[in-house]
Amino acid sequence: MSDDSERAAEIIRRAADPDRRLPGEDPERSDAEDARHWVHVYDELLHFKHEAIDLAEQNARELPEPAGVEIGMDVEVMRIQAERLHKRAQYWRSRVEGGS
């Protein structure tokens, strides 16, 4: 496998890893304020990801079919990422509601 292929495979693996945490995110060392911070961070990331998905879908409809198919693959990856972000936000939301 070439260096580029290995790099791409690693990026895809990390992007889809449902347990991947953001830098500084430590569930073992969180209080309610920290949990609220992570809810906010993940909510912002989700908002961004949904905007990116909407834009990509709009562009896919306006481009010739081969390009639209390629963008469709991008959208699927972004949906997987959005699901991961949603799960992390829910995790931190439960920590806020449960008092950390």
C-alpha atoms as a PDB file:
ATOM      1  CA  MET A   1       0.000   0.000   0.000  1.00  0.00           C
ATOM      2  CA  SER A   2       1.362   3.437  -0.907  1.00  0.00           C
ATOM      3  CA  ASP A   3       1.948   6.132   1.689  1.00  0.00           C
ATOM      4  CA  ASP A   4      -1.030   8.080   0.323  1.00  0.00           C
ATOM      5  CA  SER A   5      -3.274   5.013   0.549  1.00  0.00           C
ATOM      6  CA  GLU A   6      -2.123   4.278   4.086  1.00  0.00           C
ATOM      7  CA  ARG A   7      -2.718   7.884   5.098  1.00  0.00           C
ATOM      8  CA  ALA A   8      -6.192   7.858   3.536  1.00  0.00           C
ATOM      9  CA  ALA A   9      -7.072   4.577   5.259  1.00  0.00           C
ATOM     10  CA  GLU A  10      -5.961   5.965   8.633  1.00  0.00           C
ATOM     11  CA  ILE A  11      -7.966   9.174   8.171  1.00  0.00           C
ATOM     12  CA  ILE A  12     -11.074   7.195   7.223  1.00  0.00           C
ATOM     13  CA  ARG A  13     -10.612   4.857  10.197  1.00  0.00           C
ATOM     14  CA  ARG A  14     -10.241   7.768  12.629  1.00  0.00           C
ATOM     15  CA  ALA A  15     -13.129   9.720  11.107  1.00  0.00           C
ATOM     16  CA  ALA A  16     -15.478   6.773  11.542  1.00  0.00           C
ATOM     17  CA  ASP A  17     -14.259   5.656  14.988  1.00  0.00           C
ATOM     18  CA  PRO A  18     -17.357   5.992  17.201  1.00  0.00           C
ATOM     19  CA  ASP A  19     -15.232   6.200  20.364  1.00  0.00           C
ATOM     20  CA  ARG A  20     -12.832   8.884  19.152  1.00  0.00           C
ATOM     21  CA  ARG A  21     -12.641  11.848  21.504  1.00  0.00           C
ATOM     22  CA  LEU A  22     -11.573  15.387  20.849  1.00  0.00           C
ATOM     23  CA  PRO A  23      -8.272  16.692  22.228  1.00  0.00           C
ATOM     24  CA  GLY A  24      -8.724  17.555  25.903  1.00  0.00           C
ATOM     25  CA  GLU A  25     -11.923  15.530  26.269  1.00  0.00           C
ATOM     26  CA  ASP A  26     -11.557  13.362  29.377  1.00  0.00           C
ATOM     27  CA  PRO A  27     -14.702  11.740  30.785  1.00  0.00           C
ATOM     28  CA  GLU A  28     -12.781  10.654  33.883  1.00  0.00           C
ATOM     29  CA  ARG A  29     -12.006  14.245  34.894  1.00  0.00           C
ATOM     30  CA  SER A  30     -15.190  16.125  34.282  1.00  0.00           C
ATOM     31  CA  ASP A  31     -17.482  18.161  36.453  1.00  0.00           C
ATOM     32  CA  ALA A  32     -20.834  19.676  35.418  1.00  0.00           C
ATOM     33  CA  GLU A  33     -19.164  22.785  33.980  1.00  0.00           C
ATOM     34  CA  ASP A  34     -16.782  20.674  31.902  1.00  0.00           C
ATOM     35  CA  ALA A  35     -19.686  18.516  30.715  1.00  0.00           C
ATOM     36  CA  ARG A  36     -21.608  21.643  29.639  1.00  0.00           C
ATOM     37  CA  HIS A  37     -18.520  22.793  27.750  1.00  0.00           C
ATOM     38  CA  TRP A  38     -18.395  19.525  25.786  1.00  0.00           C
ATOM     39  CA  VAL A  39     -22.127  19.637  25.050  1.00  0.00           C
ATOM     40  CA  HIS A  40     -21.566  23.087  23.558  1.00  0.00           C
ATOM     41  CA  VAL A  41     -18.508  21.970  21.562  1.00  0.00           C
ATOM     42  CA  TYR A  42     -20.291  18.951  20.121  1.00  0.00           C
ATOM     43  CA  ASP A  43     -23.456  20.923  19.385  1.00  0.00           C
ATOM     44  CA  GLU A  44     -21.382  23.465  17.443  1.00  0.00           C
ATOM     45  CA  LEU A  45     -19.602  20.707  15.528  1.00  0.00           C
ATOM     46  CA  LEU A  46     -22.945  19.072  14.728  1.00  0.00           C
ATOM     47  CA  HIS A  47     -24.324  22.358  13.448  1.00  0.00           C
ATOM     48  CA  PHE A  48     -21.286  22.777  11.199  1.00  0.00           C
ATOM     49  CA  LYS A  49     -21.490  19.178   9.968  1.00  0.00           C
ATOM     50  CA  HIS A  50     -25.200  19.498   9.117  1.00  0.00           C
ATOM     51  CA  GLU A  51     -24.536  22.711   7.186  1.00  0.00           C
ATOM     52  CA  ALA A  52     -21.747  20.958   5.275  1.00  0.00           C
ATOM     53  CA  ILE A  53     -24.065  18.034   4.477  1.00  0.00           C
ATOM     54  CA  ASP A  54     -26.804  20.382   3.270  1.00  0.00           C
ATOM     55  CA  LEU A  55     -24.360  22.268   1.038  1.00  0.00           C
ATOM     56  CA  ALA A  56     -22.874  19.063  -0.361  1.00  0.00           C
ATOM     57  CA  GLU A  57     -26.325  17.661  -1.133  1.00  0.00           C
ATOM     58  CA  GLN A  58     -27.302  20.892  -2.879  1.00  0.00           C
ATOM     59  CA  ASN A  59     -24.120  20.824  -4.964  1.00  0.00           C
ATOM     60  CA  ALA A  60     -24.592  17.135  -5.788  1.00  0.00           C
ATOM     61  CA  ARG A  61     -27.987  17.918  -7.321  1.00  0.00           C
ATOM     62  CA  GLU A  62     -26.507  20.687  -9.482  1.00  0.00           C
ATOM     63  CA  LEU A  63     -23.508  18.779 -10.867  1.00  0.00           C
ATOM     64  CA  PRO A  64     -23.284  16.129 -13.582  1.00  0.00           C
ATOM     65  CA  GLU A  65     -23.968  12.603 -12.351  1.00  0.00           C
ATOM     66  CA  PRO A  66     -20.374  11.363 -11.891  1.00  0.00           C
ATOM     67  CA  ALA A  67     -19.589  14.354  -9.672  1.00  0.00           C
ATOM     68  CA  GLY A  68     -22.874  13.968  -7.827  1.00  0.00           C
ATOM     69  CA  VAL A  69     -22.068  10.330  -7.084  1.00  0.00           C
ATOM     70  CA  GLU A  70     -18.667  11.330  -5.679  1.00  0.00           C
ATOM     71  CA  ILE A  71     -20.238  14.004  -3.498  1.00  0.00           C
ATOM     72  CA  GLY A  72     -22.813  11.442  -2.387  1.00  0.00           C
ATOM     73  CA  MET A  73     -19.961   9.348  -0.989  1.00  0.00           C
ATOM     74  CA  ASP A  74     -18.680  12.413   0.861  1.00  0.00           C
ATOM     75  CA  VAL A  75     -22.149  12.966   2.300  1.00  0.00           C
ATOM     76  CA  GLU A  76     -22.272   9.393   3.599  1.00  0.00           C
ATOM     77  CA  VAL A  77     -18.941   9.884   5.390  1.00  0.00           C
ATOM     78  CA  MET A  78     -20.191  13.166   6.871  1.00  0.00           C
ATOM     79  CA  ARG A  79     -23.378  11.450   8.081  1.00  0.00           C
ATOM     80  CA  ILE A  80     -21.296   8.821   9.868  1.00  0.00           C
ATOM     81  CA  GLN A  81     -19.266  11.616  11.448  1.00  0.00           C
ATOM     82  CA  ALA A  82     -22.433  13.494  12.425  1.00  0.00           C
ATOM     83  CA  GLU A  83     -23.788  10.379  14.127  1.00  0.00           C
ATOM     84  CA  ARG A  84     -20.563  10.100  16.143  1.00  0.00           C
ATOM     85  CA  LEU A  85     -20.801  13.767  17.118  1.00  0.00           C
ATOM     86  CA  HIS A  86     -24.442  13.308  18.105  1.00  0.00           C
ATOM     87  CA  LYS A  87     -23.577  10.338  20.334  1.00  0.00           C
ATOM     88  CA  ARG A  88     -20.767  12.271  22.025  1.00  0.00           C
ATOM     89  CA  ALA A  89     -23.084  15.263  22.601  1.00  0.00           C
ATOM     90  CA  GLN A  90     -25.694  12.924  24.088  1.00  0.00           C
ATOM     91  CA  TYR A  91     -23.069  11.361  26.340  1.00  0.00           C
ATOM     92  CA  TRP A  92     -22.060  14.771  27.701  1.00  0.00           C
ATOM     93  CA  ARG A  93     -25.686  15.897  27.941  1.00  0.00           C
ATOM     94  CA  SER A  94     -26.395  12.866  30.141  1.00  0.00           C
ATOM     95  CA  ARG A  95     -23.442  13.862  32.323  1.00  0.00           C
ATOM     96  CA  VAL A  96     -24.910  17.363  32.739  1.00  0.00           C
ATOM     97  CA  GLU A  97     -28.343  15.979  33.580  1.00  0.00           C
ATOM     98  CA  GLY A  98     -26.895  13.361  35.911  1.00  0.00           C
ATOM     99  CA  GLY A  99     -24.705  15.857  37.739  1.00  0.00           C
ATOM    100  CA  SER A 100     -21.512  14.585  36.065  1.00  0.00           C
END
